[in-house]
Amino acid sequence: MSAAAATADAPPPKGKKKLLIIVGAAVLVVVLAVVALLMMKKSAPADDEEAAEQTAPAKAAVKHDPKAVPTFVPLDPFTVNLADRDAERYAQVGITLEVGDTATGDQIKAYMPAIRNNILLVLAEKTAAQMMDREGKVKLAGQIQRETSRAMGYEVEEPEEDAADDEAPKKKKRKKAAAPALPVTGVHFSNFIIQ
C-alpha cells in the first residue's frame, strides 16, 4: 500500500501545477482583453471627432471659445411689409443678436436706432418666397449681421454670389478667411411669421 499511496500522492501535485498554469493563463487572457477594450474606447472618441469634422466642415469654420460666455441682445420685434408685388404680405420677425462681450452689447444698445433702420430696410426688400426656406433665412441672418456692423461704423464687404464654375467657390472661401471679424457673431430668430 505504501507504493499505491506514493503513486496516488505523486499525480496530484502534477495536476495542481497544470491547474494553476491553466488558471493563470486564463486570467492573463482576460486581463489583456480588458486592457485592449479600454484602449479601443480611448481611441474611439478621437476617431469619432475626426469623422464629425470631416462630415461637418461648416461647423469647424465657426470657432467659439467654450469658456467665453456670449452676450445676447434681444431686439424689439420687427413688423414690415414685404416686397411681394402679387399680394400684400408682411413679416413679423423677432431677432436676438449674439456678441462676444458685454461691452459690445452696450455699444449695440447705443447704436440701436441705426441698427433697427438697417434691419428694417433689409427686411422690406425681401419677398415671402425668399424668406420661406432655411437657405433664405440663413442668407437673411448674414445680411442682418453685416447691416448691424455697418450701423456701428465697421467696414463690411458683401460676399460674392455663387458662380457656376468650380474655381469661384474656392476664391470665395479664401476671401471669407481674410474678412475682418464683425462685432455681431450670430443672428438668432426668436420668431418668424410671414402672412
Protein backbone atom coordinates (compact mmCIF):
# COMPACT_ATOMS: atom_id res chain seq x y z
CA MET A 1 0.00 0.00 0.00
CA SER A 2 2.78 2.29 0.51
CA ALA A 3 3.58 2.13 -3.25
CA ALA A 4 -0.07 2.82 -4.10
CA ALA A 5 -0.10 5.69 -1.64
CA ALA A 6 3.09 7.08 -3.17
CA THR A 7 1.66 6.96 -6.72
CA ALA A 8 -1.60 8.46 -5.52
CA ASP A 9 0.31 11.32 -3.96
CA ALA A 10 2.56 11.91 -7.00
CA PRO A 11 -0.09 12.68 -9.69
CA PRO A 12 -2.00 15.28 -7.69
CA PRO A 13 0.98 17.68 -7.49
CA LYS A 14 1.33 17.48 -11.31
CA GLY A 15 -2.42 18.10 -11.68
CA LYS A 16 -2.30 21.06 -9.33
CA LYS A 17 0.56 22.60 -11.28
CA LYS A 18 -1.32 22.17 -14.55
CA LEU A 19 -4.45 23.64 -12.99
CA LEU A 20 -2.52 26.65 -11.67
CA ILE A 21 -0.91 27.20 -15.10
CA ILE A 22 -4.30 26.99 -16.87
CA VAL A 23 -5.97 29.35 -14.38
CA GLY A 24 -3.04 31.79 -14.63
CA ALA A 25 -3.20 31.74 -18.44
CA ALA A 26 -6.98 32.31 -18.38
CA VAL A 27 -6.59 35.29 -16.00
CA LEU A 28 -3.85 36.71 -18.22
CA VAL A 29 -6.08 36.43 -21.31
CA VAL A 30 -8.95 38.17 -19.51
CA VAL A 31 -6.67 40.99 -18.30
CA LEU A 32 -5.27 41.50 -21.81
CA ALA A 33 -8.78 41.58 -23.29
CA VAL A 34 -9.91 44.21 -20.75
CA VAL A 35 -6.83 46.35 -21.45
CA ALA A 36 -7.42 46.08 -25.20
CA LEU A 37 -11.07 47.15 -24.80
CA LEU A 38 -10.11 50.14 -22.67
CA MET A 39 -7.54 51.25 -25.21
CA MET A 40 -10.09 50.93 -28.03
CA LYS A 41 -12.59 53.06 -26.09
CA LYS A 42 -9.99 55.77 -25.50
CA SER A 43 -9.06 55.93 -29.19
CA ALA A 44 -12.68 55.73 -30.44
CA PRO A 45 -13.72 59.30 -29.43
CA ALA A 46 -10.78 60.74 -31.37
CA ASP A 47 -11.87 58.80 -34.43
CA ASP A 48 -15.47 59.97 -33.94
CA GLU A 49 -14.32 63.59 -33.64
CA GLU A 50 -12.30 63.31 -36.85
CA ALA A 51 -15.28 61.81 -38.65
CA ALA A 52 -17.53 64.58 -37.35
CA GLU A 53 -15.07 67.23 -38.53
CA GLN A 54 -14.94 65.67 -41.99
CA THR A 55 -18.72 65.45 -42.33
CA ALA A 56 -19.43 68.92 -40.96
CA PRO A 57 -16.82 71.38 -42.28
CA ALA A 58 -19.19 74.31 -41.74
CA LYS A 59 -19.16 73.74 -38.00
CA ALA A 60 -15.38 73.69 -37.98
CA ALA A 61 -15.29 77.08 -39.69
CA VAL A 62 -17.17 78.72 -36.83
CA LYS A 63 -14.88 78.79 -33.83
CA HIS A 64 -16.28 79.73 -30.46
CA ASP A 65 -14.31 79.78 -27.27
CA PRO A 66 -16.25 77.44 -24.96
CA LYS A 67 -15.02 79.31 -21.89
CA ALA A 68 -16.24 82.71 -23.11
CA VAL A 69 -19.90 83.31 -22.38
CA PRO A 70 -21.57 85.23 -25.23
CA THR A 71 -23.86 88.17 -24.67
CA PHE A 72 -27.28 88.15 -26.29
CA VAL A 73 -29.01 91.41 -27.17
CA PRO A 74 -32.72 90.92 -27.93
CA LEU A 75 -34.26 93.45 -30.30
CA ASP A 76 -37.88 94.53 -30.32
CA PRO A 77 -39.89 92.57 -32.91
CA PHE A 78 -39.91 93.89 -36.46
CA THR A 79 -43.15 94.12 -38.45
CA VAL A 80 -42.61 95.08 -42.07
CA ASN A 81 -44.40 94.97 -45.43
CA LEU A 82 -42.65 92.63 -47.83
CA ALA A 83 -41.66 93.39 -51.43
CA ASP A 84 -44.18 90.94 -52.96
CA ARG A 85 -45.91 92.50 -55.99
CA ASP A 86 -48.74 89.98 -56.38
CA ALA A 87 -50.19 90.37 -52.87
CA GLU A 88 -49.90 92.46 -49.74
CA ARG A 89 -47.73 90.41 -47.44
CA TYR A 90 -45.94 91.26 -44.27
CA ALA A 91 -43.48 89.64 -41.88
CA GLN A 92 -43.11 89.76 -38.15
CA VAL A 93 -39.58 88.82 -37.14
CA GLY A 94 -38.03 88.61 -33.69
CA ILE A 95 -34.24 88.90 -33.67
CA THR A 96 -31.60 88.40 -30.99
CA LEU A 97 -28.02 89.43 -31.71
CA GLU A 98 -25.11 87.44 -30.30
CA VAL A 99 -21.93 89.34 -29.42
CA GLY A 100 -18.69 88.35 -27.76
CA ASP A 101 -18.83 90.51 -24.65
CA THR A 102 -20.99 92.91 -22.66
CA ALA A 103 -19.08 95.98 -23.88
CA THR A 104 -20.13 95.20 -27.46
CA GLY A 105 -23.66 94.60 -26.20
CA ASP A 106 -23.69 98.07 -24.65
CA GLN A 107 -22.32 99.52 -27.89
CA ILE A 108 -25.18 97.86 -29.84
CA LYS A 109 -27.69 99.48 -27.48
CA ALA A 110 -26.10 102.88 -28.16
CA TYR A 111 -26.46 102.38 -31.95
CA MET A 112 -29.95 100.84 -31.74
CA PRO A 113 -31.84 103.41 -33.89
CA ALA A 114 -29.39 102.99 -36.79
CA ILE A 115 -29.32 99.20 -36.37
CA ARG A 116 -33.12 98.94 -36.41
CA ASN A 117 -33.26 101.17 -39.51
CA ASN A 118 -30.78 98.99 -41.42
CA ILE A 119 -32.55 95.77 -40.43
CA LEU A 120 -35.94 97.19 -41.47
CA LEU A 121 -34.51 98.15 -44.87
CA VAL A 122 -33.14 94.62 -45.37
CA LEU A 123 -36.45 93.02 -44.38
CA ALA A 124 -38.53 95.35 -46.57
CA GLU A 125 -36.64 94.42 -49.74
CA LYS A 126 -37.32 90.68 -49.30
CA THR A 127 -40.21 88.72 -50.75
CA ALA A 128 -42.07 86.00 -48.86
CA ALA A 129 -40.59 83.34 -51.17
CA GLN A 130 -37.05 84.49 -50.37
CA MET A 131 -37.62 84.10 -46.63
CA MET A 132 -39.68 80.89 -46.53
CA ASP A 133 -36.93 78.24 -46.72
CA ARG A 134 -33.95 77.67 -44.46
CA GLU A 135 -31.44 78.90 -47.02
CA GLY A 136 -33.28 82.21 -47.28
CA LYS A 137 -33.30 82.64 -43.52
CA VAL A 138 -29.58 81.88 -43.27
CA LYS A 139 -28.85 84.41 -46.01
CA LEU A 140 -31.06 86.96 -44.23
CA ALA A 141 -29.18 86.37 -40.96
CA GLY A 142 -25.90 87.11 -42.74
CA GLN A 143 -27.31 90.32 -44.21
CA ILE A 144 -28.57 91.40 -40.79
CA GLN A 145 -25.15 90.68 -39.29
CA ARG A 146 -23.45 92.84 -41.93
CA GLU A 147 -26.00 95.68 -41.71
CA THR A 148 -25.74 95.77 -37.92
CA SER A 149 -21.96 96.08 -38.22
CA ARG A 150 -22.30 98.85 -40.81
CA ALA A 151 -24.59 100.80 -38.49
CA MET A 152 -21.90 100.57 -35.82
CA GLY A 153 -19.27 102.05 -38.19
CA TYR A 154 -17.50 98.89 -39.35
CA GLU A 155 -16.45 98.48 -42.97
CA VAL A 156 -18.14 95.37 -44.32
CA GLU A 157 -17.64 93.70 -47.68
CA GLU A 158 -20.54 91.93 -49.36
CA PRO A 159 -19.87 88.27 -50.15
CA GLU A 160 -19.66 87.32 -53.82
CA GLU A 161 -22.57 85.46 -55.39
CA ASP A 162 -22.00 81.76 -56.17
CA ALA A 163 -20.71 81.19 -59.68
CA ALA A 164 -21.25 78.12 -61.83
CA ASP A 165 -17.57 77.19 -62.21
CA ASP A 166 -15.58 75.32 -59.54
CA GLU A 167 -12.90 77.97 -59.05
CA ALA A 168 -15.25 80.67 -57.76
CA PRO A 169 -16.20 78.86 -54.53
CA LYS A 170 -12.51 78.38 -53.73
CA LYS A 171 -11.90 82.11 -54.15
CA LYS A 172 -14.96 82.82 -52.02
CA LYS A 173 -13.60 80.68 -49.18
CA ARG A 174 -10.27 82.47 -49.32
CA LYS A 175 -11.97 85.87 -49.09
CA LYS A 176 -14.06 84.76 -46.11
CA ALA A 177 -10.93 83.72 -44.24
CA ALA A 178 -9.38 87.15 -44.79
CA ALA A 179 -12.51 89.11 -43.80
CA PRO A 180 -12.27 91.12 -40.58
CA ALA A 181 -14.19 89.97 -37.53
CA LEU A 182 -17.58 91.59 -37.09
CA PRO A 183 -18.89 92.69 -33.69
CA VAL A 184 -22.03 90.57 -34.12
CA THR A 185 -21.06 86.90 -34.06
CA GLY A 186 -24.54 85.48 -34.59
CA VAL A 187 -28.10 86.39 -35.54
CA HIS A 188 -30.84 84.30 -33.97
CA PHE A 189 -34.52 84.43 -34.89
CA SER A 190 -36.86 84.20 -31.91
CA ASN A 191 -40.00 84.29 -34.07
CA PHE A 192 -40.61 84.38 -37.80
CA ILE A 193 -44.14 84.91 -39.11
CA ILE A 194 -44.97 85.64 -42.74
CA GLN A 195 -48.56 86.46 -43.71
